[in-house]
N, C-alpha and C. Protein backbone atom coordinates (compact mmCIF):
# COMPACT_ATOMS: atom_id res chain seq x y z
N MET A 1 -11.62 -7.61 18.49
CA MET A 1 -11.62 -8.46 17.31
C MET A 1 -11.00 -7.62 16.07
N PRO A 2 -10.50 -8.43 14.99
CA PRO A 2 -9.75 -7.66 13.99
C PRO A 2 -10.94 -7.08 13.32
N LEU A 3 -10.56 -6.06 12.35
CA LEU A 3 -11.57 -5.39 11.57
C LEU A 3 -12.23 -6.22 10.49
N THR A 4 -11.57 -7.14 10.17
CA THR A 4 -11.95 -8.37 9.17
C THR A 4 -11.18 -9.60 9.52
N THR A 5 -11.93 -10.55 9.51
CA THR A 5 -11.20 -11.87 10.06
C THR A 5 -10.86 -12.74 8.69
N SER A 6 -9.91 -13.45 8.97
CA SER A 6 -9.56 -14.56 7.93
C SER A 6 -9.64 -15.79 8.48
N PRO A 7 -10.71 -16.65 8.42
CA PRO A 7 -11.01 -17.84 8.94
C PRO A 7 -9.87 -18.88 8.77
N SER A 8 -9.46 -18.94 7.61
CA SER A 8 -8.36 -19.98 7.43
C SER A 8 -7.08 -20.08 7.89
N LEU A 9 -6.75 -18.83 8.93
CA LEU A 9 -5.57 -18.83 9.59
C LEU A 9 -5.65 -18.86 11.00
N PRO A 10 -4.67 -19.49 11.77
CA PRO A 10 -4.77 -19.69 13.05
C PRO A 10 -5.19 -18.28 13.69
N GLY A 11 -5.94 -18.74 15.00
CA GLY A 11 -6.48 -17.37 15.84
C GLY A 11 -5.44 -16.49 16.38
N HIS A 12 -4.25 -16.99 16.66
CA HIS A 12 -3.20 -16.24 17.26
C HIS A 12 -2.75 -15.05 16.33
N ILE A 13 -2.80 -15.30 15.12
CA ILE A 13 -2.40 -14.33 14.16
C ILE A 13 -3.24 -13.04 14.24
N GLY A 14 -4.58 -13.20 14.39
CA GLY A 14 -5.58 -12.04 14.51
C GLY A 14 -5.00 -11.06 15.51
N LYS A 15 -4.43 -11.44 16.63
CA LYS A 15 -4.05 -10.50 17.55
C LYS A 15 -3.37 -9.27 17.07
N TRP A 16 -2.54 -9.49 15.92
CA TRP A 16 -1.60 -8.38 15.42
C TRP A 16 -2.70 -7.40 14.57
N PHE A 17 -3.90 -7.94 14.16
CA PHE A 17 -4.62 -7.01 13.35
C PHE A 17 -6.11 -6.71 14.14
N ALA A 18 -6.03 -6.96 15.51
CA ALA A 18 -7.03 -6.33 16.18
C ALA A 18 -7.13 -4.89 16.34
N SER A 19 -5.99 -4.16 16.23
CA SER A 19 -6.05 -2.84 16.39
C SER A 19 -4.60 -2.32 15.68
N ASP A 20 -4.68 -1.04 15.33
CA ASP A 20 -3.33 -0.28 14.71
C ASP A 20 -2.42 -0.50 15.95
N TYR A 21 -2.71 -0.03 17.23
CA TYR A 21 -1.69 -0.36 18.35
C TYR A 21 -1.25 -1.58 18.28
N ASN A 22 -1.80 -2.70 18.33
CA ASN A 22 -1.25 -4.12 18.09
C ASN A 22 -0.30 -4.12 17.19
N PHE A 23 -0.84 -4.06 16.01
CA PHE A 23 -0.13 -4.07 14.79
C PHE A 23 1.21 -3.44 14.83
N HIS A 24 1.42 -2.26 15.15
CA HIS A 24 2.51 -1.47 15.22
C HIS A 24 3.70 -2.13 16.08
N HIS A 25 3.22 -2.93 17.05
CA HIS A 25 4.23 -3.56 18.01
C HIS A 25 4.98 -4.75 17.12
N LEU A 26 4.57 -4.91 15.78
CA LEU A 26 5.52 -5.69 15.04
C LEU A 26 6.82 -4.98 14.65
N TYR A 27 6.77 -3.92 15.04
CA TYR A 27 8.13 -2.94 14.70
C TYR A 27 8.61 -2.27 15.67
N PRO A 28 9.98 -1.95 15.66
CA PRO A 28 10.90 -1.36 16.65
C PRO A 28 10.06 0.13 16.73
N LEU A 29 10.51 0.88 17.94
CA LEU A 29 9.82 1.98 18.49
C LEU A 29 9.87 3.17 17.28
N TYR A 30 10.94 3.16 16.57
CA TYR A 30 11.11 4.55 15.64
C TYR A 30 10.08 4.24 14.49
N ILE A 31 9.91 2.93 14.07
CA ILE A 31 9.02 2.66 12.85
C ILE A 31 7.67 3.04 13.52
N GLN A 32 7.34 2.62 14.66
CA GLN A 32 5.93 2.87 15.21
C GLN A 32 5.68 4.54 15.48
N ALA A 33 6.74 5.20 15.61
CA ALA A 33 6.67 6.55 15.73
C ALA A 33 6.17 7.47 14.47
N LEU A 34 6.58 6.80 13.41
CA LEU A 34 6.24 7.22 11.96
C LEU A 34 4.72 6.79 11.51
N ALA A 35 4.02 5.93 12.25
CA ALA A 35 2.78 5.45 11.87
C ALA A 35 1.74 6.25 11.44
N GLN A 36 1.61 7.33 12.45
CA GLN A 36 0.43 8.30 12.31
C GLN A 36 0.47 9.21 10.87
N LYS A 37 1.70 9.68 10.46
CA LYS A 37 1.56 10.13 9.28
C LYS A 37 1.85 9.42 8.08
N HIS A 38 2.72 8.22 8.33
CA HIS A 38 3.29 7.64 7.06
C HIS A 38 2.43 6.22 6.81
N TRP A 39 2.19 5.55 7.78
CA TRP A 39 1.51 4.06 7.40
C TRP A 39 -0.07 4.13 7.47
N THR A 40 -0.56 3.33 6.52
CA THR A 40 -1.98 3.30 6.28
C THR A 40 -2.85 2.70 7.43
N PRO A 41 -3.68 3.42 8.01
CA PRO A 41 -4.64 2.68 9.01
C PRO A 41 -5.22 1.37 8.57
N LEU A 42 -5.46 0.67 9.77
CA LEU A 42 -6.01 -0.69 9.27
C LEU A 42 -7.42 -0.67 8.70
N LYS A 43 -8.26 0.45 9.16
CA LYS A 43 -9.56 0.53 8.53
C LYS A 43 -9.50 0.93 7.14
N VAL A 44 -8.50 1.62 6.89
CA VAL A 44 -8.20 2.12 5.33
C VAL A 44 -7.66 0.82 4.50
N VAL A 45 -6.93 -0.14 5.02
CA VAL A 45 -6.47 -1.34 4.46
C VAL A 45 -7.68 -2.24 4.39
N ALA A 46 -8.62 -2.37 5.22
CA ALA A 46 -9.60 -3.33 5.23
C ALA A 46 -10.57 -2.88 3.98
N SER A 47 -10.81 -1.52 3.83
CA SER A 47 -11.66 -1.02 2.89
C SER A 47 -11.17 -1.28 1.49
N ALA A 48 -9.86 -0.67 1.41
CA ALA A 48 -9.21 -0.68 0.07
C ALA A 48 -8.99 -2.05 -0.29
N SER A 49 -8.44 -2.77 0.50
CA SER A 49 -8.15 -4.39 -0.04
C SER A 49 -9.45 -4.90 -0.53
N LYS A 50 -10.60 -4.77 0.13
CA LYS A 50 -11.62 -5.39 -0.15
C LYS A 50 -12.05 -5.13 -1.56
N PHE A 51 -11.88 -3.82 -1.86
CA PHE A 51 -12.25 -3.19 -3.29
C PHE A 51 -11.20 -3.78 -4.38
N LEU A 52 -10.06 -3.87 -3.91
CA LEU A 52 -8.99 -4.40 -4.91
C LEU A 52 -9.01 -5.82 -4.97
N ALA A 53 -9.32 -6.63 -4.02
CA ALA A 53 -9.18 -8.13 -4.12
C ALA A 53 -10.44 -8.70 -4.27
N ALA A 54 -11.48 -7.98 -4.84
CA ALA A 54 -12.72 -8.55 -4.91
C ALA A 54 -12.77 -9.94 -5.81
N ASP A 55 -11.89 -10.18 -6.79
CA ASP A 55 -11.70 -11.46 -7.27
C ASP A 55 -10.60 -12.15 -6.92
N PRO A 56 -10.77 -13.39 -6.54
CA PRO A 56 -9.69 -14.39 -5.97
C PRO A 56 -8.41 -14.40 -7.08
N GLY A 57 -7.13 -14.44 -6.47
CA GLY A 57 -6.13 -14.68 -7.19
C GLY A 57 -5.53 -13.73 -7.57
N VAL A 58 -6.06 -12.42 -7.52
CA VAL A 58 -5.52 -11.19 -8.10
C VAL A 58 -4.06 -10.75 -7.54
N LYS A 59 -3.33 -9.97 -8.26
CA LYS A 59 -2.06 -9.50 -7.86
C LYS A 59 -2.04 -7.95 -7.57
N ILE A 60 -1.98 -7.63 -6.19
CA ILE A 60 -1.95 -6.13 -6.01
C ILE A 60 -0.70 -5.62 -5.58
N LEU A 61 -0.38 -4.40 -6.18
CA LEU A 61 0.92 -3.68 -5.93
C LEU A 61 0.66 -2.51 -5.11
N ASP A 62 1.38 -2.46 -3.98
CA ASP A 62 1.45 -1.12 -2.98
C ASP A 62 2.61 -0.48 -3.42
N ILE A 63 2.47 0.72 -4.10
CA ILE A 63 3.58 1.68 -4.63
C ILE A 63 4.17 2.43 -3.50
N GLY A 64 5.21 2.11 -2.91
CA GLY A 64 5.90 2.72 -1.82
C GLY A 64 5.52 2.15 -0.48
N SER A 65 5.72 0.72 -0.30
CA SER A 65 5.11 -0.06 0.83
C SER A 65 5.63 0.25 2.11
N GLY A 66 6.73 1.08 2.33
CA GLY A 66 7.18 1.30 3.73
C GLY A 66 7.52 0.01 4.30
N PRO A 67 7.20 -0.21 5.60
CA PRO A 67 7.33 -1.40 6.34
C PRO A 67 6.18 -2.45 6.15
N GLY A 68 5.55 -2.36 5.33
CA GLY A 68 4.60 -3.46 4.81
C GLY A 68 3.25 -3.60 5.37
N LYS A 69 2.76 -2.49 5.93
CA LYS A 69 1.60 -2.63 6.61
C LYS A 69 0.38 -2.87 5.67
N PHE A 70 0.16 -2.12 4.55
CA PHE A 70 -0.70 -2.43 3.73
C PHE A 70 -0.86 -3.84 3.30
N CYS A 71 0.27 -4.17 2.75
CA CYS A 71 0.54 -5.57 2.22
C CYS A 71 0.17 -6.66 3.17
N LEU A 72 0.62 -6.68 4.44
CA LEU A 72 0.52 -7.50 5.65
C LEU A 72 -1.03 -7.55 5.92
N ALA A 73 -1.71 -6.49 6.16
CA ALA A 73 -3.01 -6.35 6.51
C ALA A 73 -3.81 -6.83 5.43
N GLY A 74 -3.64 -6.33 4.30
CA GLY A 74 -4.36 -6.80 3.07
C GLY A 74 -4.42 -8.23 2.82
N ALA A 75 -3.20 -8.97 3.02
CA ALA A 75 -2.99 -10.45 2.86
C ALA A 75 -3.64 -11.12 3.76
N TYR A 76 -3.81 -10.52 5.30
CA TYR A 76 -4.59 -11.24 6.16
C TYR A 76 -6.04 -11.14 5.79
N TYR A 77 -6.65 -10.14 5.51
CA TYR A 77 -8.01 -9.93 5.21
C TYR A 77 -8.32 -10.64 3.82
N ASN A 78 -7.56 -10.84 3.02
CA ASN A 78 -7.88 -11.36 1.75
C ASN A 78 -6.81 -12.57 1.35
N PRO A 79 -6.91 -13.81 1.99
CA PRO A 79 -6.00 -14.59 1.80
C PRO A 79 -5.92 -15.46 0.49
N ASN A 80 -6.99 -15.09 -0.38
CA ASN A 80 -6.94 -15.68 -1.65
C ASN A 80 -6.38 -14.70 -2.76
N SER A 81 -5.79 -13.70 -2.23
CA SER A 81 -5.24 -12.77 -3.30
C SER A 81 -3.69 -12.56 -3.01
N PHE A 82 -2.89 -12.05 -3.80
CA PHE A 82 -1.48 -11.86 -3.66
C PHE A 82 -0.99 -10.43 -3.47
N PHE A 83 -0.25 -9.84 -2.43
CA PHE A 83 0.11 -8.70 -2.23
C PHE A 83 1.71 -8.45 -2.46
N TYR A 84 1.90 -7.49 -3.07
CA TYR A 84 3.26 -6.97 -3.40
C TYR A 84 3.54 -5.63 -3.21
N GLY A 85 4.81 -5.43 -2.46
CA GLY A 85 5.14 -4.17 -1.94
C GLY A 85 6.61 -3.76 -2.72
N ILE A 86 6.58 -2.44 -3.34
CA ILE A 86 7.87 -2.01 -3.78
C ILE A 86 8.40 -1.05 -2.81
N GLU A 87 9.65 -0.93 -2.34
CA GLU A 87 9.89 0.02 -1.43
C GLU A 87 11.50 0.23 -1.83
N GLN A 88 11.94 1.39 -1.72
CA GLN A 88 13.36 1.74 -2.02
C GLN A 88 14.26 1.78 -0.77
N ARG A 89 13.68 1.92 0.25
CA ARG A 89 14.52 1.69 1.62
C ARG A 89 14.69 0.52 2.14
N ILE A 90 16.08 -0.01 2.27
CA ILE A 90 16.30 -1.37 2.53
C ILE A 90 15.95 -1.85 3.97
N ASP A 91 15.98 -0.78 5.01
CA ASP A 91 15.57 -1.07 6.11
C ASP A 91 14.23 -1.31 6.46
N LEU A 92 13.44 -0.62 5.70
CA LEU A 92 11.88 -0.80 5.90
C LEU A 92 11.64 -2.24 5.03
N ILE A 93 12.24 -2.53 4.13
CA ILE A 93 11.93 -3.96 3.50
C ILE A 93 12.22 -5.06 4.67
N ARG A 94 13.40 -4.85 5.18
CA ARG A 94 13.95 -5.76 6.36
C ARG A 94 12.88 -5.82 7.27
N TYR A 95 12.27 -4.78 7.95
CA TYR A 95 11.31 -4.70 8.99
C TYR A 95 10.20 -5.45 8.46
N ALA A 96 9.77 -5.06 7.25
CA ALA A 96 8.54 -5.66 6.57
C ALA A 96 8.67 -7.13 6.42
N THR A 97 9.78 -7.81 6.11
CA THR A 97 10.03 -9.22 5.99
C THR A 97 10.04 -9.80 7.35
N ILE A 98 10.57 -9.35 8.27
CA ILE A 98 10.50 -9.67 9.71
C ILE A 98 9.02 -9.86 10.22
N ALA A 99 8.28 -8.85 9.86
CA ALA A 99 6.94 -8.66 10.35
C ALA A 99 6.00 -10.03 9.74
N LYS A 100 6.33 -10.10 8.36
CA LYS A 100 5.77 -11.27 7.61
C LYS A 100 6.06 -12.43 8.32
N GLU A 101 7.28 -12.72 8.71
CA GLU A 101 7.69 -13.96 9.05
C GLU A 101 7.05 -14.13 10.75
N MET A 102 6.63 -13.10 11.36
CA MET A 102 6.11 -13.14 12.62
C MET A 102 4.58 -13.24 12.49
N VAL A 103 3.87 -12.69 11.39
CA VAL A 103 2.44 -13.14 11.17
C VAL A 103 2.24 -14.38 10.71
N GLY A 104 3.28 -14.94 9.78
CA GLY A 104 3.10 -16.38 9.01
C GLY A 104 2.22 -16.33 7.93
N LEU A 105 2.30 -15.11 7.13
CA LEU A 105 1.48 -15.11 6.00
C LEU A 105 2.17 -15.35 4.75
N ASP A 106 1.88 -16.22 3.67
CA ASP A 106 2.72 -16.46 2.52
C ASP A 106 2.19 -16.11 1.17
N ASN A 107 1.01 -14.98 1.42
CA ASN A 107 0.62 -14.38 0.21
C ASN A 107 1.16 -13.03 -0.10
N ILE A 108 2.55 -12.80 0.33
CA ILE A 108 2.98 -11.42 0.41
C ILE A 108 4.40 -11.47 -0.22
N THR A 109 4.68 -10.57 -1.17
CA THR A 109 5.96 -10.23 -1.62
C THR A 109 6.54 -8.90 -1.44
N PHE A 110 7.74 -8.83 -0.76
CA PHE A 110 8.31 -7.46 -0.46
C PHE A 110 9.51 -7.35 -1.62
N MET A 111 9.68 -6.26 -2.39
CA MET A 111 10.62 -6.01 -3.20
C MET A 111 11.43 -4.79 -3.09
N HIS A 112 12.69 -4.71 -2.96
CA HIS A 112 13.50 -3.54 -2.82
C HIS A 112 13.76 -2.91 -3.97
N GLY A 113 13.51 -1.72 -4.21
CA GLY A 113 13.89 -1.23 -5.46
C GLY A 113 13.03 0.28 -5.69
N ASN A 114 13.22 0.78 -6.79
CA ASN A 114 12.65 2.11 -7.05
C ASN A 114 11.45 1.76 -7.89
N MET A 115 10.28 2.44 -7.52
CA MET A 115 9.01 2.09 -8.22
C MET A 115 9.06 2.29 -9.98
N MET A 116 10.23 3.27 -10.25
CA MET A 116 10.42 3.27 -11.69
C MET A 116 10.92 2.02 -12.40
N GLU A 117 11.26 0.99 -11.69
CA GLU A 117 11.99 -0.22 -12.17
C GLU A 117 10.92 -1.34 -12.31
N VAL A 118 9.93 -0.90 -11.86
CA VAL A 118 8.52 -1.90 -11.81
C VAL A 118 7.96 -2.01 -13.18
N ASP A 119 7.52 -3.11 -13.62
CA ASP A 119 6.66 -3.29 -14.90
C ASP A 119 5.24 -3.49 -14.34
N PHE A 120 4.49 -2.65 -14.36
CA PHE A 120 3.18 -2.48 -13.79
C PHE A 120 2.25 -3.72 -14.47
N THR A 121 2.54 -3.98 -15.72
CA THR A 121 1.67 -5.04 -16.39
C THR A 121 1.79 -6.43 -15.74
N GLN A 122 2.74 -6.65 -14.79
CA GLN A 122 2.84 -7.78 -14.11
C GLN A 122 1.92 -8.08 -12.86
N TYR A 123 1.11 -6.93 -12.75
CA TYR A 123 0.03 -6.82 -11.57
C TYR A 123 -1.28 -6.44 -12.22
N ASP A 124 -2.37 -6.83 -11.27
CA ASP A 124 -3.86 -6.52 -11.69
C ASP A 124 -4.24 -5.18 -11.18
N HIS A 125 -4.04 -5.01 -9.89
CA HIS A 125 -4.63 -3.62 -9.34
C HIS A 125 -3.59 -3.01 -8.52
N PHE A 126 -3.89 -1.69 -8.02
CA PHE A 126 -2.80 -0.92 -7.30
C PHE A 126 -3.37 -0.18 -6.19
N TYR A 127 -2.38 0.07 -5.13
CA TYR A 127 -2.73 1.05 -3.94
C TYR A 127 -1.83 2.04 -3.96
N PHE A 128 -2.22 3.21 -3.63
CA PHE A 128 -1.25 4.33 -3.63
C PHE A 128 -1.58 5.20 -2.53
N PHE A 129 -0.71 5.41 -1.37
CA PHE A 129 -0.81 6.13 -0.46
C PHE A 129 0.01 7.41 -0.43
N ASN A 130 0.19 8.07 -1.57
CA ASN A 130 0.76 9.36 -2.02
C ASN A 130 2.13 9.20 -1.34
N SER A 131 2.88 8.35 -1.86
CA SER A 131 4.14 8.01 -1.27
C SER A 131 5.11 9.01 -1.85
N PHE A 132 5.03 9.69 -2.81
CA PHE A 132 5.95 10.72 -3.44
C PHE A 132 5.90 12.01 -2.77
N TYR A 133 4.82 12.20 -1.94
CA TYR A 133 4.65 13.51 -1.28
C TYR A 133 5.82 13.99 -0.39
N GLU A 134 6.50 13.22 0.23
CA GLU A 134 7.81 13.75 1.01
C GLU A 134 8.63 14.41 0.21
N ASN A 135 8.67 14.21 -1.09
CA ASN A 135 9.57 15.03 -1.95
C ASN A 135 9.48 16.55 -2.02
N LEU A 136 8.08 17.02 -1.65
CA LEU A 136 7.73 18.24 -1.73
C LEU A 136 8.24 19.08 -0.37
N PRO A 137 8.76 20.25 -0.50
CA PRO A 137 9.32 21.16 0.49
C PRO A 137 8.28 21.39 1.62
N GLY A 138 8.75 21.33 2.95
CA GLY A 138 7.83 21.46 4.14
C GLY A 138 7.10 20.44 4.38
N THR A 139 7.28 19.17 3.94
CA THR A 139 6.44 18.07 4.34
C THR A 139 7.42 17.11 5.31
N TYR A 140 6.60 16.23 5.92
CA TYR A 140 7.12 15.04 6.96
C TYR A 140 7.88 14.08 6.00
N LYS A 141 9.20 13.94 6.57
CA LYS A 141 10.15 13.07 5.62
C LYS A 141 10.18 11.74 6.70
N ILE A 142 10.31 10.59 6.09
CA ILE A 142 10.52 9.37 6.83
C ILE A 142 11.92 9.35 7.45
N ASP A 143 12.90 9.74 6.81
CA ASP A 143 14.18 9.82 7.28
C ASP A 143 15.03 10.62 6.37
N ASP A 144 16.25 10.75 6.53
CA ASP A 144 17.25 11.76 5.75
C ASP A 144 17.90 10.80 4.73
N LYS A 145 17.80 9.67 4.41
CA LYS A 145 18.45 8.71 3.71
C LYS A 145 18.39 8.89 2.17
N LEU A 146 17.49 9.55 1.68
CA LEU A 146 17.12 9.68 0.41
C LEU A 146 17.20 11.29 -0.18
N THR A 147 17.45 11.44 -1.32
CA THR A 147 17.42 12.74 -1.99
C THR A 147 15.87 13.11 -2.25
N TYR A 148 15.48 14.27 -1.81
CA TYR A 148 14.33 14.86 -1.97
C TYR A 148 14.20 16.02 -2.90
N SER A 149 13.09 16.05 -3.80
CA SER A 149 13.05 17.36 -4.81
C SER A 149 11.69 17.42 -5.33
N ARG A 150 11.31 18.48 -5.66
CA ARG A 150 10.13 18.47 -6.37
C ARG A 150 10.19 18.07 -7.74
N ASN A 151 11.42 18.03 -8.31
CA ASN A 151 11.66 17.21 -9.85
C ASN A 151 11.35 15.85 -9.42
N LEU A 152 11.93 14.96 -8.52
CA LEU A 152 11.60 13.68 -8.27
C LEU A 152 10.03 13.47 -8.19
N TYR A 153 9.52 14.31 -7.35
CA TYR A 153 7.95 14.22 -7.13
C TYR A 153 7.33 14.09 -8.67
N ASN A 154 7.73 15.18 -9.49
CA ASN A 154 6.99 15.32 -10.72
C ASN A 154 7.37 14.00 -11.67
N GLN A 155 8.66 13.73 -11.63
CA GLN A 155 9.13 12.44 -12.49
C GLN A 155 8.49 11.22 -11.88
N TYR A 156 8.22 11.08 -10.60
CA TYR A 156 7.61 9.78 -10.18
C TYR A 156 6.06 9.82 -10.65
N HIS A 157 5.53 10.89 -10.61
CA HIS A 157 4.07 10.99 -10.90
C HIS A 157 3.81 10.75 -12.36
N ARG A 158 4.76 11.46 -13.18
CA ARG A 158 4.79 10.92 -14.64
C ARG A 158 4.86 9.53 -14.96
N TYR A 159 5.76 8.92 -14.32
CA TYR A 159 6.02 7.20 -14.54
C TYR A 159 4.72 6.62 -14.04
N LEU A 160 4.15 7.13 -12.78
CA LEU A 160 3.01 6.28 -12.32
C LEU A 160 1.96 6.43 -13.39
N TYR A 161 1.68 7.58 -13.55
CA TYR A 161 0.58 7.87 -14.77
C TYR A 161 0.92 7.03 -16.10
N GLN A 162 2.04 7.16 -16.54
CA GLN A 162 2.19 6.37 -17.72
C GLN A 162 1.99 4.74 -17.60
N GLN A 163 2.54 4.29 -16.42
CA GLN A 163 2.26 2.92 -16.36
C GLN A 163 0.89 2.67 -16.21
N LEU A 164 0.13 3.45 -15.30
CA LEU A 164 -1.39 3.06 -15.06
C LEU A 164 -2.17 3.21 -16.40
N GLU A 165 -1.66 4.09 -17.12
CA GLU A 165 -2.53 4.22 -18.47
C GLU A 165 -2.33 3.24 -19.46
N LYS A 166 -1.33 2.51 -19.32
CA LYS A 166 -0.90 1.19 -20.08
C LYS A 166 -1.78 0.04 -19.75
N MET A 167 -2.36 0.02 -18.55
CA MET A 167 -3.22 -1.09 -17.86
C MET A 167 -4.55 -1.35 -18.68
N PRO A 168 -5.11 -2.56 -18.69
CA PRO A 168 -6.22 -2.72 -19.57
C PRO A 168 -7.45 -2.08 -18.78
N ALA A 169 -8.72 -1.91 -19.43
CA ALA A 169 -9.84 -1.64 -18.87
C ALA A 169 -10.26 -2.71 -17.66
N GLY A 170 -10.79 -2.18 -16.69
CA GLY A 170 -11.06 -2.92 -15.51
C GLY A 170 -10.14 -2.98 -14.31
N THR A 171 -8.87 -2.26 -14.63
CA THR A 171 -7.94 -2.08 -13.56
C THR A 171 -8.34 -1.14 -12.70
N LYS A 172 -8.10 -1.67 -11.15
CA LYS A 172 -8.61 -0.91 -10.07
C LYS A 172 -7.44 -0.23 -9.42
N LEU A 173 -7.64 0.86 -8.92
CA LEU A 173 -6.71 1.76 -8.39
C LEU A 173 -7.31 2.48 -6.92
N ALA A 174 -6.75 2.15 -5.82
CA ALA A 174 -7.34 2.70 -4.59
C ALA A 174 -6.11 3.67 -4.19
N THR A 175 -6.62 5.05 -3.99
CA THR A 175 -5.61 5.92 -3.40
C THR A 175 -6.07 6.52 -2.19
N TYR A 176 -5.32 6.93 -1.28
CA TYR A 176 -5.42 7.49 0.07
C TYR A 176 -4.71 8.79 0.21
N HIS A 177 -5.45 9.94 0.78
CA HIS A 177 -4.79 11.19 0.86
C HIS A 177 -4.36 11.57 -0.64
N CYS A 178 -5.05 11.42 -1.68
CA CYS A 178 -4.60 12.04 -3.05
C CYS A 178 -5.76 12.85 -3.55
N ASP A 179 -5.58 13.87 -4.18
CA ASP A 179 -6.57 14.57 -4.88
C ASP A 179 -7.19 14.00 -6.06
N GLU A 180 -8.39 14.42 -6.40
CA GLU A 180 -9.05 13.79 -7.61
C GLU A 180 -8.18 13.81 -8.88
N GLU A 181 -7.59 15.06 -8.94
CA GLU A 181 -6.62 15.16 -10.14
C GLU A 181 -5.42 14.40 -10.34
N ASP A 182 -5.21 13.65 -9.13
CA ASP A 182 -4.13 12.83 -9.04
C ASP A 182 -4.27 11.50 -9.69
N ALA A 183 -5.17 11.28 -10.40
CA ALA A 183 -5.29 10.06 -11.16
C ALA A 183 -5.13 10.19 -12.67
N PRO A 184 -4.54 9.09 -13.22
CA PRO A 184 -4.29 9.00 -14.54
C PRO A 184 -5.46 9.21 -15.61
N ASN A 185 -5.07 9.31 -16.70
CA ASN A 185 -6.49 9.38 -17.80
C ASN A 185 -7.09 8.16 -17.91
N GLY A 186 -8.34 8.08 -17.97
CA GLY A 186 -8.89 6.87 -18.24
C GLY A 186 -9.68 6.19 -16.89
N TYR A 187 -9.03 6.79 -15.78
CA TYR A 187 -9.74 6.20 -14.44
C TYR A 187 -10.76 7.07 -13.81
N HIS A 188 -11.84 6.36 -13.41
CA HIS A 188 -12.95 7.28 -12.92
C HIS A 188 -13.19 6.68 -11.56
N ILE A 189 -13.62 7.61 -10.70
CA ILE A 189 -13.99 7.13 -9.25
C ILE A 189 -15.42 6.50 -9.34
N VAL A 190 -15.31 5.42 -8.65
CA VAL A 190 -16.52 4.61 -8.35
C VAL A 190 -17.09 4.50 -6.98
N GLY A 191 -16.32 5.05 -6.00
CA GLY A 191 -16.63 5.17 -4.75
C GLY A 191 -15.67 5.79 -3.93
N THR A 192 -16.12 6.23 -2.54
CA THR A 192 -15.15 6.74 -1.68
C THR A 192 -15.39 6.26 -0.18
N ASP A 193 -14.49 6.37 0.66
CA ASP A 193 -14.59 5.98 2.06
C ASP A 193 -13.77 6.69 2.89
N ILE A 194 -13.84 6.42 4.21
CA ILE A 194 -13.12 7.27 5.08
C ILE A 194 -13.01 8.61 4.87
N ASP A 195 -14.15 9.28 5.07
CA ASP A 195 -14.41 10.77 4.93
C ASP A 195 -13.97 11.25 3.48
N HIS A 196 -14.01 10.45 2.56
CA HIS A 196 -13.58 10.78 1.09
C HIS A 196 -11.96 10.79 0.90
N LEU A 197 -11.32 10.50 1.89
CA LEU A 197 -9.89 10.33 1.86
C LEU A 197 -9.34 9.23 1.16
N LEU A 198 -10.14 8.03 1.20
CA LEU A 198 -9.93 7.01 0.37
C LEU A 198 -10.73 6.79 -0.92
N LYS A 199 -10.14 6.95 -2.04
CA LYS A 199 -11.04 6.94 -3.36
C LYS A 199 -10.72 5.59 -4.01
N PHE A 200 -11.77 5.05 -4.56
CA PHE A 200 -11.57 3.78 -5.48
C PHE A 200 -11.90 4.39 -6.90
N TRP A 201 -10.98 3.91 -7.67
CA TRP A 201 -11.03 4.16 -9.02
C TRP A 201 -11.06 2.80 -10.02
N VAL A 202 -11.58 2.93 -11.29
CA VAL A 202 -11.54 1.86 -12.22
C VAL A 202 -11.33 2.50 -13.53
N LYS A 203 -10.44 1.69 -14.34
CA LYS A 203 -10.16 2.17 -15.78
C LYS A 203 -11.25 1.78 -16.53
N VAL A 204 -11.72 2.58 -17.49
CA VAL A 204 -12.76 2.22 -18.44
C VAL A 204 -12.20 2.22 -19.80
């Protein structure tokens, strides 16, 4: 059975969300091979999206959405909310779009572009799985199609902090595999899950 069910959708859709193994078969083998280190586990999506989508109709942005796993599963678990993914690799956007068509969900939008081109004020809440980390030396890279550098890592974090700090009180942020100091000013932890690797933040 899926970790969380979405009763308004046909039952056959649920097969994809019954396990990470099932879900990864939406993608070609080389995308599946990256899952363990780069794609969010379904149990994390279920917990994070429940926190972020507590109010119906909210818009949730996944920062560095890869092949769309967080958005796809989040949209399945929370059919009354809207999930958006920003990703700079066009091939991952293509696979995310194909997967979206395969599962038949319409509360998802995938966008090709750099996170620094996004106006965060168009969204309500945010998910971040440390997508800048591969810019650091000695880390696992998704591919060799991008330029990596510590300067980019710092630049992306500055932009992320600046944008999140502009958001109003009540804005929620869920982070996975991020240190506590990796949150912008004004955001406070209100809970954790998955051995404290998943953190829930609210701006006060």
